[in-house]
Amino acid sequence: MAHESDIELPTKLPADVCRRVDQWAARNGIRSRELAIVELLELGLKQEPLSNQGARAEMLAGNEIDLMEDANATSEEKRIRKRRLTRGPSVFRHVRRDQAKDEG
């Protein structure tokens, strides 16, 4: 189903990736690897940017934390605990790509 404006992109893919694409194609009734790759690319391009995914993940985590909060804690204690949990341990913050670097 090539169109005149299509661009050919010869590339090498790891055998494992090809196997997974073929399995995905079979599960979804797609008849060729080429069409499966195009469909997977289209699906990936429709996803929200990674920066938005981090914010969404933090919001979802925050909602879950709210459900488990200590009723006896002050609002300030709750805020600090929630922030600490959503930011993660300080020893790992330097390797996180979704947060600005800070000192602690």
C-alpha atoms as a PDB file:
ATOM      1  CA  MET A   1       0.000   0.000   0.000  1.00  0.00           C
ATOM      2  CA  ALA A   2       2.792   2.367  -0.963  1.00  0.00           C
ATOM      3  CA  HIS A   3       2.014   5.881  -2.051  1.00  0.00           C
ATOM      4  CA  GLU A   4       4.073   8.056  -4.357  1.00  0.00           C
ATOM      5  CA  SER A   5       4.937  10.350  -1.444  1.00  0.00           C
ATOM      6  CA  ASP A   6       6.063   7.475   0.824  1.00  0.00           C
ATOM      7  CA  ILE A   7       9.690   7.463   1.893  1.00  0.00           C
ATOM      8  CA  GLU A   8      11.585   4.200   2.020  1.00  0.00           C
ATOM      9  CA  LEU A   9      13.635   3.782   5.187  1.00  0.00           C
ATOM     10  CA  PRO A  10      15.881   0.727   4.975  1.00  0.00           C
ATOM     11  CA  THR A  11      16.905  -0.187   8.497  1.00  0.00           C
ATOM     12  CA  LYS A  12      18.071  -3.076  10.629  1.00  0.00           C
ATOM     13  CA  LEU A  13      16.069  -4.153  13.647  1.00  0.00           C
ATOM     14  CA  PRO A  14      17.071  -6.617  16.345  1.00  0.00           C
ATOM     15  CA  ALA A  15      15.610 -10.088  15.786  1.00  0.00           C
ATOM     16  CA  ASP A  16      13.726  -9.849  19.078  1.00  0.00           C
ATOM     17  CA  VAL A  17      12.029  -6.624  17.982  1.00  0.00           C
ATOM     18  CA  CYS A  18      11.002  -8.206  14.673  1.00  0.00           C
ATOM     19  CA  ARG A  19       9.603 -11.216  16.516  1.00  0.00           C
ATOM     20  CA  ARG A  20       7.586  -8.967  18.836  1.00  0.00           C
ATOM     21  CA  VAL A  21       6.310  -6.894  15.887  1.00  0.00           C
ATOM     22  CA  ASP A  22       5.242 -10.086  14.122  1.00  0.00           C
ATOM     23  CA  GLN A  23       3.447 -11.331  17.242  1.00  0.00           C
ATOM     24  CA  TRP A  24       1.709  -7.980  17.664  1.00  0.00           C
ATOM     25  CA  ALA A  25       0.685  -8.038  13.989  1.00  0.00           C
ATOM     26  CA  ALA A  26      -0.781 -11.536  14.315  1.00  0.00           C
ATOM     27  CA  ARG A  27      -2.759 -10.569  17.438  1.00  0.00           C
ATOM     28  CA  ASN A  28      -4.135  -7.506  15.665  1.00  0.00           C
ATOM     29  CA  GLY A  29      -4.900  -9.079  12.289  1.00  0.00           C
ATOM     30  CA  ILE A  30      -2.282  -7.099  10.404  1.00  0.00           C
ATOM     31  CA  ARG A  31      -1.017  -9.001   7.384  1.00  0.00           C
ATOM     32  CA  SER A  32       2.528  -7.709   7.006  1.00  0.00           C
ATOM     33  CA  ARG A  33       5.447  -6.603   9.132  1.00  0.00           C
ATOM     34  CA  GLU A  34       5.661  -3.338   7.172  1.00  0.00           C
ATOM     35  CA  LEU A  35       2.049  -2.439   7.944  1.00  0.00           C
ATOM     36  CA  ALA A  36       2.508  -3.474  11.578  1.00  0.00           C
ATOM     37  CA  ILE A  37       5.535  -1.207  11.953  1.00  0.00           C
ATOM     38  CA  VAL A  38       3.652   1.713  10.400  1.00  0.00           C
ATOM     39  CA  GLU A  39       0.686   1.096  12.729  1.00  0.00           C
ATOM     40  CA  LEU A  40       2.935   0.858  15.789  1.00  0.00           C
ATOM     41  CA  LEU A  41       4.668   4.090  14.827  1.00  0.00           C
ATOM     42  CA  GLU A  42       1.295   5.814  14.415  1.00  0.00           C
ATOM     43  CA  LEU A  43       0.191   4.565  17.841  1.00  0.00           C
ATOM     44  CA  GLY A  44       3.432   5.744  19.418  1.00  0.00           C
ATOM     45  CA  LEU A  45       3.189   9.170  17.827  1.00  0.00           C
ATOM     46  CA  LYS A  46      -0.315   9.636  19.254  1.00  0.00           C
ATOM     47  CA  GLN A  47       0.967   9.188  22.819  1.00  0.00           C
ATOM     48  CA  GLU A  48       1.502  12.210  25.004  1.00  0.00           C
ATOM     49  CA  PRO A  49       5.091  13.455  25.327  1.00  0.00           C
ATOM     50  CA  LEU A  50       7.220  11.879  28.051  1.00  0.00           C
ATOM     51  CA  SER A  51       7.291  15.153  29.968  1.00  0.00           C
ATOM     52  CA  ASN A  52       3.477  15.037  30.209  1.00  0.00           C
ATOM     53  CA  GLN A  53       3.571  11.373  31.195  1.00  0.00           C
ATOM     54  CA  GLY A  54       5.739  12.222  34.193  1.00  0.00           C
ATOM     55  CA  ALA A  55       3.283  14.864  35.352  1.00  0.00           C
ATOM     56  CA  ARG A  56       0.384  12.460  34.834  1.00  0.00           C
ATOM     57  CA  ALA A  57       2.187   9.708  36.756  1.00  0.00           C
ATOM     58  CA  GLU A  58       2.847  12.125  39.617  1.00  0.00           C
ATOM     59  CA  MET A  59      -0.817  13.133  39.684  1.00  0.00           C
ATOM     60  CA  LEU A  60      -1.970   9.489  39.741  1.00  0.00           C
ATOM     61  CA  ALA A  61       0.545   8.653  42.475  1.00  0.00           C
ATOM     62  CA  GLY A  62      -0.622  11.664  44.457  1.00  0.00           C
ATOM     63  CA  ASN A  63      -4.236  10.506  44.206  1.00  0.00           C
ATOM     64  CA  GLU A  64      -3.291   7.066  45.535  1.00  0.00           C
ATOM     65  CA  ILE A  65      -1.262   8.615  48.358  1.00  0.00           C
ATOM     66  CA  ASP A  66      -4.280  10.747  49.314  1.00  0.00           C
ATOM     67  CA  LEU A  67      -6.311   7.557  49.743  1.00  0.00           C
ATOM     68  CA  MET A  68      -3.729   6.149  52.183  1.00  0.00           C
ATOM     69  CA  GLU A  69      -2.971   9.289  54.182  1.00  0.00           C
ATOM     70  CA  ASP A  70      -2.745   9.357  57.946  1.00  0.00           C
ATOM     71  CA  ALA A  71      -5.879  11.016  59.305  1.00  0.00           C
ATOM     72  CA  ASN A  72      -3.953  12.165  62.398  1.00  0.00           C
ATOM     73  CA  ALA A  73      -1.216  13.968  60.443  1.00  0.00           C
ATOM     74  CA  THR A  74      -1.362  17.735  60.011  1.00  0.00           C
ATOM     75  CA  SER A  75      -1.925  19.121  56.530  1.00  0.00           C
ATOM     76  CA  GLU A  76       1.724  20.238  56.456  1.00  0.00           C
ATOM     77  CA  GLU A  77       2.938  16.732  57.383  1.00  0.00           C
ATOM     78  CA  LYS A  78       0.691  15.256  54.678  1.00  0.00           C
ATOM     79  CA  ARG A  79       2.040  17.697  52.101  1.00  0.00           C
ATOM     80  CA  ILE A  80       5.675  16.910  53.005  1.00  0.00           C
ATOM     81  CA  ARG A  81       5.085  13.150  52.970  1.00  0.00           C
ATOM     82  CA  LYS A  82       3.294  13.303  49.641  1.00  0.00           C
ATOM     83  CA  ARG A  83       6.027  15.427  48.090  1.00  0.00           C
ATOM     84  CA  ARG A  84       8.722  13.078  49.398  1.00  0.00           C
ATOM     85  CA  LEU A  85       6.923  10.048  47.971  1.00  0.00           C
ATOM     86  CA  THR A  86       6.233  11.547  44.542  1.00  0.00           C
ATOM     87  CA  ARG A  87       9.766  12.902  44.141  1.00  0.00           C
ATOM     88  CA  GLY A  88      11.368   9.639  45.204  1.00  0.00           C
ATOM     89  CA  PRO A  89      14.462   9.065  47.332  1.00  0.00           C
ATOM     90  CA  SER A  90      17.053  11.828  47.090  1.00  0.00           C
ATOM     91  CA  VAL A  91      19.802   9.314  46.302  1.00  0.00           C
ATOM     92  CA  PHE A  92      18.081   8.514  42.979  1.00  0.00           C
ATOM     93  CA  ARG A  93      17.049  12.006  41.884  1.00  0.00           C
ATOM     94  CA  HIS A  94      20.294  12.631  39.994  1.00  0.00           C
ATOM     95  CA  VAL A  95      19.436   9.815  37.545  1.00  0.00           C
ATOM     96  CA  ARG A  96      15.813  10.780  36.910  1.00  0.00           C
ATOM     97  CA  ARG A  97      15.256  12.365  33.532  1.00  0.00           C
ATOM     98  CA  ASP A  98      11.832  13.793  34.376  1.00  0.00           C
ATOM     99  CA  GLN A  99      13.003  16.164  37.100  1.00  0.00           C
ATOM    100  CA  ALA A 100      15.339  19.106  37.249  1.00  0.00           C
ATOM    101  CA  LYS A 101      18.565  18.481  39.114  1.00  0.00           C
ATOM    102  CA  ASP A 102      18.614  19.734  42.669  1.00  0.00           C
ATOM    103  CA  GLU A 103      20.652  19.373  45.822  1.00  0.00           C
ATOM    104  CA  GLY A 104      18.362  17.207  47.884  1.00  0.00           C
END
